[in-house]
């Protein structure tokens, strides 16, 4: 049987025409040894604190729309939900509950506006202003006006059944972030403070690392020609060391395969991935009463 090393995986991705998957993995293999801190991975520490070697900021967002039949509909559904919002939205408005609670996305955006000096929490009002962040990069939006996100491929079930494609190879499970890129704030609109969002920006924020959260994560069975996934039951339980198909041996690859490579060869640098921004027009308006500001103050203090 033919020998196989995990450093052969980028060439296998080339063979399958996984252009971005091969590009990201080559960056990892070419990098100096670096393990991404957990606080950066979880977003508790800003990625702006990293050096250029630990960042990739030009992953094409349009690639998501053209490279996988499973991802495009999720994005289109999110854009459709946000194209027109009046007051109520689980993503950026109020929730339709007896108490009309503010959504977590709205709490997040109000916190952003407070940091920008547009929201006055004590006076329970907004400053009349127009904020245009349409020229910002994803890294800048991450710290300025990002208010919600969509997880793709994050559940154990998705990891077991998602199509093996370039997006899977490059990102695995990942997050699409949503930011407001054109915002109008008003102190008084028919007696209420108001937030109007005219444009949103979507981008990917992901970490390219091999940190395990519990069991050593299975990343497929690889040969120089491609990748196989075992049956769903095998994925959860058996996990043999290799699978032979049509005379080709495919070897089990896990997160620890890469961690072991880094330790042995002193190469392999984790990094944070940001995509380009995809802008979409939006018509979102949410009015805020004094009680809404009180709710914000109470809930934001506990975040």
C-alpha atoms as a PDB file:
ATOM      1  CA  UNK A   1       0.000   0.000   0.000  1.00  0.00           C
ATOM      2  CA  UNK A   2       1.112   3.573  -0.745  1.00  0.00           C
ATOM      3  CA  UNK A   3       2.604   5.659   2.052  1.00  0.00           C
ATOM      4  CA  UNK A   4       0.712   8.755   3.172  1.00  0.00           C
ATOM      5  CA  UNK A   5       1.672  11.747   5.346  1.00  0.00           C
ATOM      6  CA  UNK A   6      -0.672  14.462   6.552  1.00  0.00           C
ATOM      7  CA  UNK A   7       1.535  16.971   4.717  1.00  0.00           C
ATOM      8  CA  UNK A   8       0.215  15.290   1.532  1.00  0.00           C
ATOM      9  CA  UNK A   9      -3.295  16.579   2.232  1.00  0.00           C
ATOM     10  CA  UNK A  10      -2.937  19.944   0.388  1.00  0.00           C
ATOM     11  CA  UNK A  11      -1.958  18.051  -2.781  1.00  0.00           C
ATOM     12  CA  UNK A  12      -4.965  15.756  -2.290  1.00  0.00           C
ATOM     13  CA  UNK A  13      -7.123  18.882  -2.032  1.00  0.00           C
ATOM     14  CA  UNK A  14      -5.593  20.160  -5.278  1.00  0.00           C
ATOM     15  CA  UNK A  15      -6.539  16.833  -6.858  1.00  0.00           C
ATOM     16  CA  UNK A  16     -10.168  17.408  -5.775  1.00  0.00           C
ATOM     17  CA  UNK A  17     -10.011  21.084  -6.868  1.00  0.00           C
ATOM     18  CA  UNK A  18     -10.433  22.347  -3.323  1.00  0.00           C
ATOM     19  CA  UNK A  19      -8.616  25.608  -3.984  1.00  0.00           C
ATOM     20  CA  UNK A  20      -9.259  27.447  -0.715  1.00  0.00           C
ATOM     21  CA  UNK A  21      -8.919  24.323   1.413  1.00  0.00           C
ATOM     22  CA  UNK A  22      -5.450  23.677  -0.045  1.00  0.00           C
ATOM     23  CA  UNK A  23      -4.491  27.339   0.337  1.00  0.00           C
ATOM     24  CA  UNK A  24      -5.404  27.516   4.021  1.00  0.00           C
ATOM     25  CA  UNK A  25      -3.746  24.216   4.883  1.00  0.00           C
ATOM     26  CA  UNK A  26      -0.523  25.191   3.114  1.00  0.00           C
ATOM     27  CA  UNK A  27      -0.455  28.376   5.177  1.00  0.00           C
ATOM     28  CA  UNK A  28      -0.688  26.264   8.328  1.00  0.00           C
ATOM     29  CA  UNK A  29       2.077  23.871   7.228  1.00  0.00           C
ATOM     30  CA  UNK A  30       4.326  26.760   6.124  1.00  0.00           C
ATOM     31  CA  UNK A  31       3.914  28.665   9.389  1.00  0.00           C
ATOM     32  CA  UNK A  32       6.217  28.691  12.383  1.00  0.00           C
ATOM     33  CA  UNK A  33       4.866  26.564  15.261  1.00  0.00           C
ATOM     34  CA  UNK A  34       2.050  28.464  16.930  1.00  0.00           C
ATOM     35  CA  UNK A  35      -0.929  27.311  18.982  1.00  0.00           C
ATOM     36  CA  UNK A  36      -3.843  29.697  19.002  1.00  0.00           C
ATOM     37  CA  UNK A  37      -4.740  30.841  22.539  1.00  0.00           C
ATOM     38  CA  UNK A  38      -8.174  29.682  23.650  1.00  0.00           C
ATOM     39  CA  UNK A  39      -9.240  33.253  24.491  1.00  0.00           C
ATOM     40  CA  UNK A  40      -8.557  34.326  20.897  1.00  0.00           C
ATOM     41  CA  UNK A  41     -10.370  31.280  19.527  1.00  0.00           C
ATOM     42  CA  UNK A  42     -13.431  32.116  21.650  1.00  0.00           C
ATOM     43  CA  UNK A  43     -13.318  35.824  20.774  1.00  0.00           C
ATOM     44  CA  UNK A  44     -12.560  36.964  24.313  1.00  0.00           C
ATOM     45  CA  UNK A  45      -9.319  38.513  23.047  1.00  0.00           C
ATOM     46  CA  UNK A  46      -9.403  40.462  19.784  1.00  0.00           C
ATOM     47  CA  UNK A  47      -7.747  38.986  16.715  1.00  0.00           C
ATOM     48  CA  UNK A  48      -6.278  42.455  16.115  1.00  0.00           C
ATOM     49  CA  UNK A  49      -3.707  41.564  18.786  1.00  0.00           C
ATOM     50  CA  UNK A  50      -2.229  38.910  16.461  1.00  0.00           C
ATOM     51  CA  UNK A  51       0.635  39.406  14.048  1.00  0.00           C
ATOM     52  CA  UNK A  52       0.262  39.077  10.248  1.00  0.00           C
ATOM     53  CA  UNK A  53       1.437  35.453  10.307  1.00  0.00           C
ATOM     54  CA  UNK A  54      -1.534  34.548  12.502  1.00  0.00           C
ATOM     55  CA  UNK A  55      -4.122  36.225  10.274  1.00  0.00           C
ATOM     56  CA  UNK A  56      -5.712  35.611   6.897  1.00  0.00           C
ATOM     57  CA  UNK A  57      -8.086  38.390   5.863  1.00  0.00           C
ATOM     58  CA  UNK A  58      -8.869  37.806   2.188  1.00  0.00           C
ATOM     59  CA  UNK A  59     -10.958  34.638   1.992  1.00  0.00           C
ATOM     60  CA  UNK A  60     -13.502  35.475  -0.774  1.00  0.00           C
ATOM     61  CA  UNK A  61     -17.027  35.576   0.627  1.00  0.00           C
ATOM     62  CA  UNK A  62     -18.506  34.874  -2.822  1.00  0.00           C
ATOM     63  CA  UNK A  63     -16.681  31.535  -2.731  1.00  0.00           C
ATOM     64  CA  UNK A  64     -19.193  30.443  -0.062  1.00  0.00           C
ATOM     65  CA  UNK A  65     -22.050  31.093  -2.470  1.00  0.00           C
ATOM     66  CA  UNK A  66     -20.539  29.130  -5.351  1.00  0.00           C
ATOM     67  CA  UNK A  67     -18.733  26.240  -3.655  1.00  0.00           C
ATOM     68  CA  UNK A  68     -21.416  24.433  -1.668  1.00  0.00           C
ATOM     69  CA  UNK A  69     -25.092  23.712  -2.176  1.00  0.00           C
ATOM     70  CA  UNK A  70     -25.554  23.447   1.608  1.00  0.00           C
ATOM     71  CA  UNK A  71     -24.221  26.901   2.553  1.00  0.00           C
ATOM     72  CA  UNK A  72     -25.798  29.235  -0.015  1.00  0.00           C
ATOM     73  CA  UNK A  73     -29.435  28.602   1.072  1.00  0.00           C
ATOM     74  CA  UNK A  74     -28.515  29.320   4.708  1.00  0.00           C
ATOM     75  CA  UNK A  75     -26.989  32.658   3.714  1.00  0.00           C
ATOM     76  CA  UNK A  76     -29.916  33.554   1.468  1.00  0.00           C
ATOM     77  CA  UNK A  77     -32.371  32.777   4.273  1.00  0.00           C
ATOM     78  CA  UNK A  78     -30.451  35.007   6.690  1.00  0.00           C
ATOM     79  CA  UNK A  79     -30.358  37.865   4.184  1.00  0.00           C
ATOM     80  CA  UNK A  80     -34.079  37.444   3.524  1.00  0.00           C
ATOM     81  CA  UNK A  81     -34.831  37.665   7.258  1.00  0.00           C
ATOM     82  CA  UNK A  82     -32.855  40.898   7.556  1.00  0.00           C
ATOM     83  CA  UNK A  83     -33.911  42.586   4.310  1.00  0.00           C
ATOM     84  CA  UNK A  84     -36.965  44.135   5.975  1.00  0.00           C
ATOM     85  CA  UNK A  85     -37.503  44.349   9.737  1.00  0.00           C
ATOM     86  CA  UNK A  86     -39.975  46.560  11.588  1.00  0.00           C
ATOM     87  CA  UNK A  87     -39.539  46.342  15.347  1.00  0.00           C
ATOM     88  CA  UNK A  88     -39.714  42.536  15.723  1.00  0.00           C
ATOM     89  CA  UNK A  89     -36.883  40.160  14.877  1.00  0.00           C
ATOM     90  CA  UNK A  90     -35.104  37.441  16.774  1.00  0.00           C
ATOM     91  CA  UNK A  91     -31.888  38.590  15.137  1.00  0.00           C
ATOM     92  CA  UNK A  92     -31.953  42.375  15.582  1.00  0.00           C
ATOM     93  CA  UNK A  93     -35.280  43.548  17.043  1.00  0.00           C
ATOM     94  CA  UNK A  94     -37.725  42.725  19.793  1.00  0.00           C
ATOM     95  CA  UNK A  95     -38.897  39.220  20.540  1.00  0.00           C
ATOM     96  CA  UNK A  96     -42.602  38.500  20.268  1.00  0.00           C
ATOM     97  CA  UNK A  97     -43.075  37.680  23.934  1.00  0.00           C
ATOM     98  CA  UNK A  98     -45.498  39.145  26.480  1.00  0.00           C
ATOM     99  CA  UNK A  99     -42.672  41.343  27.773  1.00  0.00           C
ATOM    100  CA  UNK A 100     -41.404  42.386  24.326  1.00  0.00           C
ATOM    101  CA  UNK A 101     -37.848  41.616  25.367  1.00  0.00           C
ATOM    102  CA  UNK A 102     -34.959  42.900  23.315  1.00  0.00           C
ATOM    103  CA  UNK A 103     -33.150  40.273  21.239  1.00  0.00           C
ATOM    104  CA  UNK A 104     -29.530  39.487  22.023  1.00  0.00           C
ATOM    105  CA  UNK A 105     -28.584  40.992  18.660  1.00  0.00           C
ATOM    106  CA  UNK A 106     -30.206  44.298  19.569  1.00  0.00           C
ATOM    107  CA  UNK A 107     -28.495  44.294  22.967  1.00  0.00           C
ATOM    108  CA  UNK A 108     -25.189  43.739  21.181  1.00  0.00           C
ATOM    109  CA  UNK A 109     -25.800  46.560  18.690  1.00  0.00           C
ATOM    110  CA  UNK A 110     -26.816  48.953  21.461  1.00  0.00           C
ATOM    111  CA  UNK A 111     -23.563  48.128  23.238  1.00  0.00           C
ATOM    112  CA  UNK A 112     -21.674  48.921  20.031  1.00  0.00           C
ATOM    113  CA  UNK A 113     -23.503  52.242  19.716  1.00  0.00           C
ATOM    114  CA  UNK A 114     -22.715  53.062  23.330  1.00  0.00           C
ATOM    115  CA  UNK A 115     -19.000  52.502  22.722  1.00  0.00           C
ATOM    116  CA  UNK A 116     -19.227  54.715  19.632  1.00  0.00           C
ATOM    117  CA  UNK A 117     -20.703  57.509  21.763  1.00  0.00           C
ATOM    118  CA  UNK A 118     -24.055  57.398  19.982  1.00  0.00           C
ATOM    119  CA  UNK A 119     -26.122  55.801  22.757  1.00  0.00           C
ATOM    120  CA  UNK A 120     -26.499  57.705  26.045  1.00  0.00           C
ATOM    121  CA  UNK A 121     -27.491  55.091  28.599  1.00  0.00           C
ATOM    122  CA  UNK A 122     -28.099  57.508  31.481  1.00  0.00           C
ATOM    123  CA  UNK A 123     -30.295  59.861  29.468  1.00  0.00           C
ATOM    124  CA  UNK A 124     -31.950  56.918  27.716  1.00  0.00           C
ATOM    125  CA  UNK A 125     -31.565  58.367  24.255  1.00  0.00           C
ATOM    126  CA  UNK A 126     -29.615  58.229  21.015  1.00  0.00           C
ATOM    127  CA  UNK A 127     -27.665  60.984  19.299  1.00  0.00           C
ATOM    128  CA  UNK A 128     -28.777  62.022  15.830  1.00  0.00           C
ATOM    129  CA  UNK A 129     -26.077  60.540  13.623  1.00  0.00           C
ATOM    130  CA  UNK A 130     -25.293  58.614  10.447  1.00  0.00           C
ATOM    131  CA  UNK A 131     -22.613  55.947  10.627  1.00  0.00           C
ATOM    132  CA  UNK A 132     -21.105  54.537   7.432  1.00  0.00           C
ATOM    133  CA  UNK A 133     -18.839  51.525   7.928  1.00  0.00           C
ATOM    134  CA  UNK A 134     -19.254  50.173   4.400  1.00  0.00           C
ATOM    135  CA  UNK A 135     -15.524  50.586   3.696  1.00  0.00           C
ATOM    136  CA  UNK A 136     -14.448  48.680   6.824  1.00  0.00           C
ATOM    137  CA  UNK A 137     -12.694  45.326   6.738  1.00  0.00           C
ATOM    138  CA  UNK A 138     -14.070  42.297   8.564  1.00  0.00           C
ATOM    139  CA  UNK A 139     -11.484  42.751  11.306  1.00  0.00           C
ATOM    140  CA  UNK A 140     -12.672  46.342  11.801  1.00  0.00           C
ATOM    141  CA  UNK A 141     -16.376  45.434  11.737  1.00  0.00           C
ATOM    142  CA  UNK A 142     -15.708  42.720  14.305  1.00  0.00           C
ATOM    143  CA  UNK A 143     -14.984  45.444  16.853  1.00  0.00           C
ATOM    144  CA  UNK A 144     -17.303  48.179  15.592  1.00  0.00           C
ATOM    145  CA  UNK A 145     -20.804  47.110  14.544  1.00  0.00           C
ATOM    146  CA  UNK A 146     -21.060  43.301  14.449  1.00  0.00           C
ATOM    147  CA  UNK A 147     -24.293  42.292  16.198  1.00  0.00           C
ATOM    148  CA  UNK A 148     -25.137  38.649  15.436  1.00  0.00           C
ATOM    149  CA  UNK A 149     -23.917  35.472  13.786  1.00  0.00           C
ATOM    150  CA  UNK A 150     -24.906  32.252  12.056  1.00  0.00           C
ATOM    151  CA  UNK A 151     -23.151  28.953  12.817  1.00  0.00           C
ATOM    152  CA  UNK A 152     -22.548  26.564   9.904  1.00  0.00           C
ATOM    153  CA  UNK A 153     -21.646  22.905  10.392  1.00  0.00           C
ATOM    154  CA  UNK A 154     -21.247  23.259  14.147  1.00  0.00           C
ATOM    155  CA  UNK A 155     -23.397  20.403  15.432  1.00  0.00           C
ATOM    156  CA  UNK A 156     -22.077  16.866  15.774  1.00  0.00           C
ATOM    157  CA  UNK A 157     -24.725  15.683  13.325  1.00  0.00           C
ATOM    158  CA  UNK A 158     -23.652  18.227  10.688  1.00  0.00           C
ATOM    159  CA  UNK A 159     -20.027  17.196  11.136  1.00  0.00           C
ATOM    160  CA  UNK A 160     -21.057  13.609  10.471  1.00  0.00           C
ATOM    161  CA  UNK A 161     -23.244  14.153   7.393  1.00  0.00           C
ATOM    162  CA  UNK A 162     -22.213  17.444   5.735  1.00  0.00           C
ATOM    163  CA  UNK A 163     -20.977  17.108   2.188  1.00  0.00           C
ATOM    164  CA  UNK A 164     -17.208  16.845   1.850  1.00  0.00           C
ATOM    165  CA  UNK A 165     -16.453  19.906  -0.274  1.00  0.00           C
ATOM    166  CA  UNK A 166     -13.989  22.781  -0.441  1.00  0.00           C
ATOM    167  CA  UNK A 167     -15.831  24.706   2.282  1.00  0.00           C
ATOM    168  CA  UNK A 168     -15.700  21.680   4.567  1.00  0.00           C
ATOM    169  CA  UNK A 169     -12.002  21.242   3.798  1.00  0.00           C
ATOM    170  CA  UNK A 170     -11.146  24.905   4.384  1.00  0.00           C
ATOM    171  CA  UNK A 171     -13.349  25.809   7.321  1.00  0.00           C
ATOM    172  CA  UNK A 172     -15.067  22.751   8.775  1.00  0.00           C
ATOM    173  CA  UNK A 173     -17.570  24.328  11.144  1.00  0.00           C
ATOM    174  CA  UNK A 174     -17.482  28.134  11.030  1.00  0.00           C
ATOM    175  CA  UNK A 175     -19.383  31.321  11.778  1.00  0.00           C
ATOM    176  CA  UNK A 176     -20.854  33.938   9.476  1.00  0.00           C
ATOM    177  CA  UNK A 177     -20.912  37.266  11.297  1.00  0.00           C
ATOM    178  CA  UNK A 178     -23.515  39.982  10.667  1.00  0.00           C
ATOM    179  CA  UNK A 179     -22.627  43.662  11.027  1.00  0.00           C
ATOM    180  CA  UNK A 180     -24.526  46.882  10.440  1.00  0.00           C
ATOM    181  CA  UNK A 181     -22.561  48.855   7.839  1.00  0.00           C
ATOM    182  CA  UNK A 182     -24.884  51.854   7.350  1.00  0.00           C
ATOM    183  CA  UNK A 183     -26.767  53.032  10.433  1.00  0.00           C
ATOM    184  CA  UNK A 184     -28.945  56.067  11.088  1.00  0.00           C
ATOM    185  CA  UNK A 185     -29.703  56.886  14.727  1.00  0.00           C
ATOM    186  CA  UNK A 186     -32.383  59.347  15.795  1.00  0.00           C
ATOM    187  CA  UNK A 187     -33.126  60.911  19.155  1.00  0.00           C
ATOM    188  CA  UNK A 188     -36.790  61.418  18.312  1.00  0.00           C
ATOM    189  CA  UNK A 189     -38.788  59.582  15.683  1.00  0.00           C
ATOM    190  CA  UNK A 190     -42.495  59.882  16.477  1.00  0.00           C
ATOM    191  CA  UNK A 191     -41.636  60.248  20.164  1.00  0.00           C
ATOM    192  CA  UNK A 192     -39.091  57.427  20.405  1.00  0.00           C
ATOM    193  CA  UNK A 193     -35.387  56.998  19.857  1.00  0.00           C
ATOM    194  CA  UNK A 194     -34.823  54.909  16.743  1.00  0.00           C
ATOM    195  CA  UNK A 195     -32.178  52.808  15.037  1.00  0.00           C
ATOM    196  CA  UNK A 196     -32.375  52.431  11.260  1.00  0.00           C
ATOM    197  CA  UNK A 197     -30.061  50.040   9.431  1.00  0.00           C
ATOM    198  CA  UNK A 198     -29.774  50.613   5.694  1.00  0.00           C
ATOM    199  CA  UNK A 199     -27.094  48.060   4.904  1.00  0.00           C
ATOM    200  CA  UNK A 200     -25.639  44.947   6.479  1.00  0.00           C
ATOM    201  CA  UNK A 201     -22.338  43.213   5.853  1.00  0.00           C
ATOM    202  CA  UNK A 202     -21.720  39.482   6.136  1.00  0.00           C
ATOM    203  CA  UNK A 203     -18.296  37.950   6.631  1.00  0.00           C
ATOM    204  CA  UNK A 204     -16.639  34.780   7.867  1.00  0.00           C
ATOM    205  CA  UNK A 205     -14.724  34.657  11.109  1.00  0.00           C
ATOM    206  CA  UNK A 206     -13.067  31.316  11.756  1.00  0.00           C
ATOM    207  CA  UNK A 207     -10.040  29.908  13.526  1.00  0.00           C
ATOM    208  CA  UNK A 208      -7.724  27.549  11.683  1.00  0.00           C
ATOM    209  CA  UNK A 209      -6.478  25.409  14.503  1.00  0.00           C
ATOM    210  CA  UNK A 210      -6.561  21.874  15.791  1.00  0.00           C
ATOM    211  CA  UNK A 211      -7.648  22.389  19.374  1.00  0.00           C
ATOM    212  CA  UNK A 212      -9.788  19.587  20.753  1.00  0.00           C
ATOM    213  CA  UNK A 213     -12.879  20.248  22.829  1.00  0.00           C
ATOM    214  CA  UNK A 214     -13.136  16.803  24.395  1.00  0.00           C
ATOM    215  CA  UNK A 215     -12.496  13.807  22.130  1.00  0.00           C
ATOM    216  CA  UNK A 216      -9.857  13.944  19.413  1.00  0.00           C
ATOM    217  CA  UNK A 217     -11.908  15.194  16.454  1.00  0.00           C
ATOM    218  CA  UNK A 218     -12.024  12.981  13.368  1.00  0.00           C
ATOM    219  CA  UNK A 219     -11.220  14.925  10.169  1.00  0.00           C
ATOM    220  CA  UNK A 220     -11.838  12.150   7.674  1.00  0.00           C
ATOM    221  CA  UNK A 221      -9.877   9.358   6.024  1.00  0.00           C
ATOM    222  CA  UNK A 222      -7.270  10.656   3.595  1.00  0.00           C
ATOM    223  CA  UNK A 223      -5.121   9.360   0.759  1.00  0.00           C
ATOM    224  CA  UNK A 224      -3.074  11.236  -1.831  1.00  0.00           C
ATOM    225  CA  UNK A 225      -6.152  11.247  -4.059  1.00  0.00           C
ATOM    226  CA  UNK A 226      -8.849  12.494  -1.730  1.00  0.00           C
ATOM    227  CA  UNK A 227     -10.881  11.941   1.396  1.00  0.00           C
ATOM    228  CA  UNK A 228     -13.511   9.486   2.569  1.00  0.00           C
ATOM    229  CA  UNK A 229     -15.930   9.635   5.428  1.00  0.00           C
ATOM    230  CA  UNK A 230     -16.944   6.392   7.136  1.00  0.00           C
ATOM    231  CA  UNK A 231     -20.563   5.568   7.795  1.00  0.00           C
ATOM    232  CA  UNK A 232     -22.350   7.619  10.445  1.00  0.00           C
ATOM    233  CA  UNK A 233     -22.179   4.812  13.018  1.00  0.00           C
ATOM    234  CA  UNK A 234     -18.453   4.371  12.380  1.00  0.00           C
ATOM    235  CA  UNK A 235     -17.959   8.131  12.695  1.00  0.00           C
ATOM    236  CA  UNK A 236     -19.345   8.089  16.224  1.00  0.00           C
ATOM    237  CA  UNK A 237     -18.037   4.744  17.445  1.00  0.00           C
ATOM    238  CA  UNK A 238     -15.599   2.591  15.459  1.00  0.00           C
ATOM    239  CA  UNK A 239     -13.046   5.039  13.976  1.00  0.00           C
ATOM    240  CA  UNK A 240     -10.694   2.453  12.452  1.00  0.00           C
ATOM    241  CA  UNK A 241      -7.128   3.541  11.697  1.00  0.00           C
ATOM    242  CA  UNK A 242      -7.600   3.149   7.952  1.00  0.00           C
ATOM    243  CA  UNK A 243     -10.146   2.210   5.293  1.00  0.00           C
ATOM    244  CA  UNK A 244      -9.319   0.389   2.046  1.00  0.00           C
ATOM    245  CA  UNK A 245     -11.447   1.296  -0.962  1.00  0.00           C
ATOM    246  CA  UNK A 246     -10.727   0.083  -4.526  1.00  0.00           C
ATOM    247  CA  UNK A 247      -7.160  -0.810  -3.612  1.00  0.00           C
ATOM    248  CA  UNK A 248      -6.404   2.609  -2.078  1.00  0.00           C
ATOM    249  CA  UNK A 249      -5.720   2.889   1.643  1.00  0.00           C
ATOM    250  CA  UNK A 250      -7.189   5.953   3.333  1.00  0.00           C
ATOM    251  CA  UNK A 251      -5.733   6.853   6.720  1.00  0.00           C
ATOM    252  CA  UNK A 252      -7.532   8.283   9.731  1.00  0.00           C
ATOM    253  CA  UNK A 253      -6.683  11.953  10.309  1.00  0.00           C
ATOM    254  CA  UNK A 254      -7.638  13.744  13.510  1.00  0.00           C
ATOM    255  CA  UNK A 255      -6.779  17.004  15.220  1.00  0.00           C
ATOM    256  CA  UNK A 256      -4.001  15.256  17.098  1.00  0.00           C
ATOM    257  CA  UNK A 257      -2.435  14.217  13.785  1.00  0.00           C
ATOM    258  CA  UNK A 258      -1.638  17.887  13.213  1.00  0.00           C
ATOM    259  CA  UNK A 259      -0.657  18.576  16.803  1.00  0.00           C
ATOM    260  CA  UNK A 260       1.777  15.659  16.619  1.00  0.00           C
ATOM    261  CA  UNK A 261       3.196  16.959  13.318  1.00  0.00           C
ATOM    262  CA  UNK A 262       3.830  20.382  14.849  1.00  0.00           C
ATOM    263  CA  UNK A 263       5.601  18.866  17.836  1.00  0.00           C
ATOM    264  CA  UNK A 264       7.758  16.564  15.687  1.00  0.00           C
ATOM    265  CA  UNK A 265       8.711  18.913  12.852  1.00  0.00           C
ATOM    266  CA  UNK A 266       8.513  22.320  14.577  1.00  0.00           C
ATOM    267  CA  UNK A 267       6.192  23.639  11.850  1.00  0.00           C
ATOM    268  CA  UNK A 268       2.478  24.413  11.803  1.00  0.00           C
ATOM    269  CA  UNK A 269       1.005  27.767  12.743  1.00  0.00           C
ATOM    270  CA  UNK A 270      -2.621  28.311  13.779  1.00  0.00           C
ATOM    271  CA  UNK A 271      -4.303  31.488  12.517  1.00  0.00           C
ATOM    272  CA  UNK A 272      -7.593  33.383  12.419  1.00  0.00           C
ATOM    273  CA  UNK A 273      -9.468  33.615   9.114  1.00  0.00           C
ATOM    274  CA  UNK A 274     -11.579  36.560   8.000  1.00  0.00           C
ATOM    275  CA  UNK A 275     -13.324  36.782   4.658  1.00  0.00           C
ATOM    276  CA  UNK A 276     -14.060  39.776   2.498  1.00  0.00           C
ATOM    277  CA  UNK A 277     -17.361  41.581   3.180  1.00  0.00           C
ATOM    278  CA  UNK A 278     -20.559  40.888   1.273  1.00  0.00           C
ATOM    279  CA  UNK A 279     -22.875  43.898   1.522  1.00  0.00           C
ATOM    280  CA  UNK A 280     -26.658  43.679   1.290  1.00  0.00           C
ATOM    281  CA  UNK A 281     -29.246  46.485   1.377  1.00  0.00           C
ATOM    282  CA  UNK A 282     -31.573  46.356   4.368  1.00  0.00           C
ATOM    283  CA  UNK A 283     -34.581  48.174   5.716  1.00  0.00           C
ATOM    284  CA  UNK A 284     -34.478  47.677   9.475  1.00  0.00           C
ATOM    285  CA  UNK A 285     -36.063  50.003  12.012  1.00  0.00           C
ATOM    286  CA  UNK A 286     -36.385  49.529  15.741  1.00  0.00           C
ATOM    287  CA  UNK A 287     -37.813  52.171  18.100  1.00  0.00           C
ATOM    288  CA  UNK A 288     -36.629  52.318  21.694  1.00  0.00           C
ATOM    289  CA  UNK A 289     -38.717  53.471  24.641  1.00  0.00           C
ATOM    290  CA  UNK A 290     -37.321  54.500  28.059  1.00  0.00           C
ATOM    291  CA  UNK A 291     -38.304  51.017  29.287  1.00  0.00           C
ATOM    292  CA  UNK A 292     -36.203  49.485  26.510  1.00  0.00           C
ATOM    293  CA  UNK A 293     -33.196  51.461  27.704  1.00  0.00           C
ATOM    294  CA  UNK A 294     -33.864  50.240  31.236  1.00  0.00           C
ATOM    295  CA  UNK A 295     -34.001  46.647  30.020  1.00  0.00           C
ATOM    296  CA  UNK A 296     -30.772  47.216  28.110  1.00  0.00           C
ATOM    297  CA  UNK A 297     -29.025  48.592  31.192  1.00  0.00           C
ATOM    298  CA  UNK A 298     -30.151  45.641  33.274  1.00  0.00           C
ATOM    299  CA  UNK A 299     -29.182  42.949  30.777  1.00  0.00           C
ATOM    300  CA  UNK A 300     -26.003  44.488  29.380  1.00  0.00           C
ATOM    301  CA  UNK A 301     -24.578  44.788  32.894  1.00  0.00           C
ATOM    302  CA  UNK A 302     -24.745  41.026  33.226  1.00  0.00           C
ATOM    303  CA  UNK A 303     -22.953  40.260  29.958  1.00  0.00           C
END
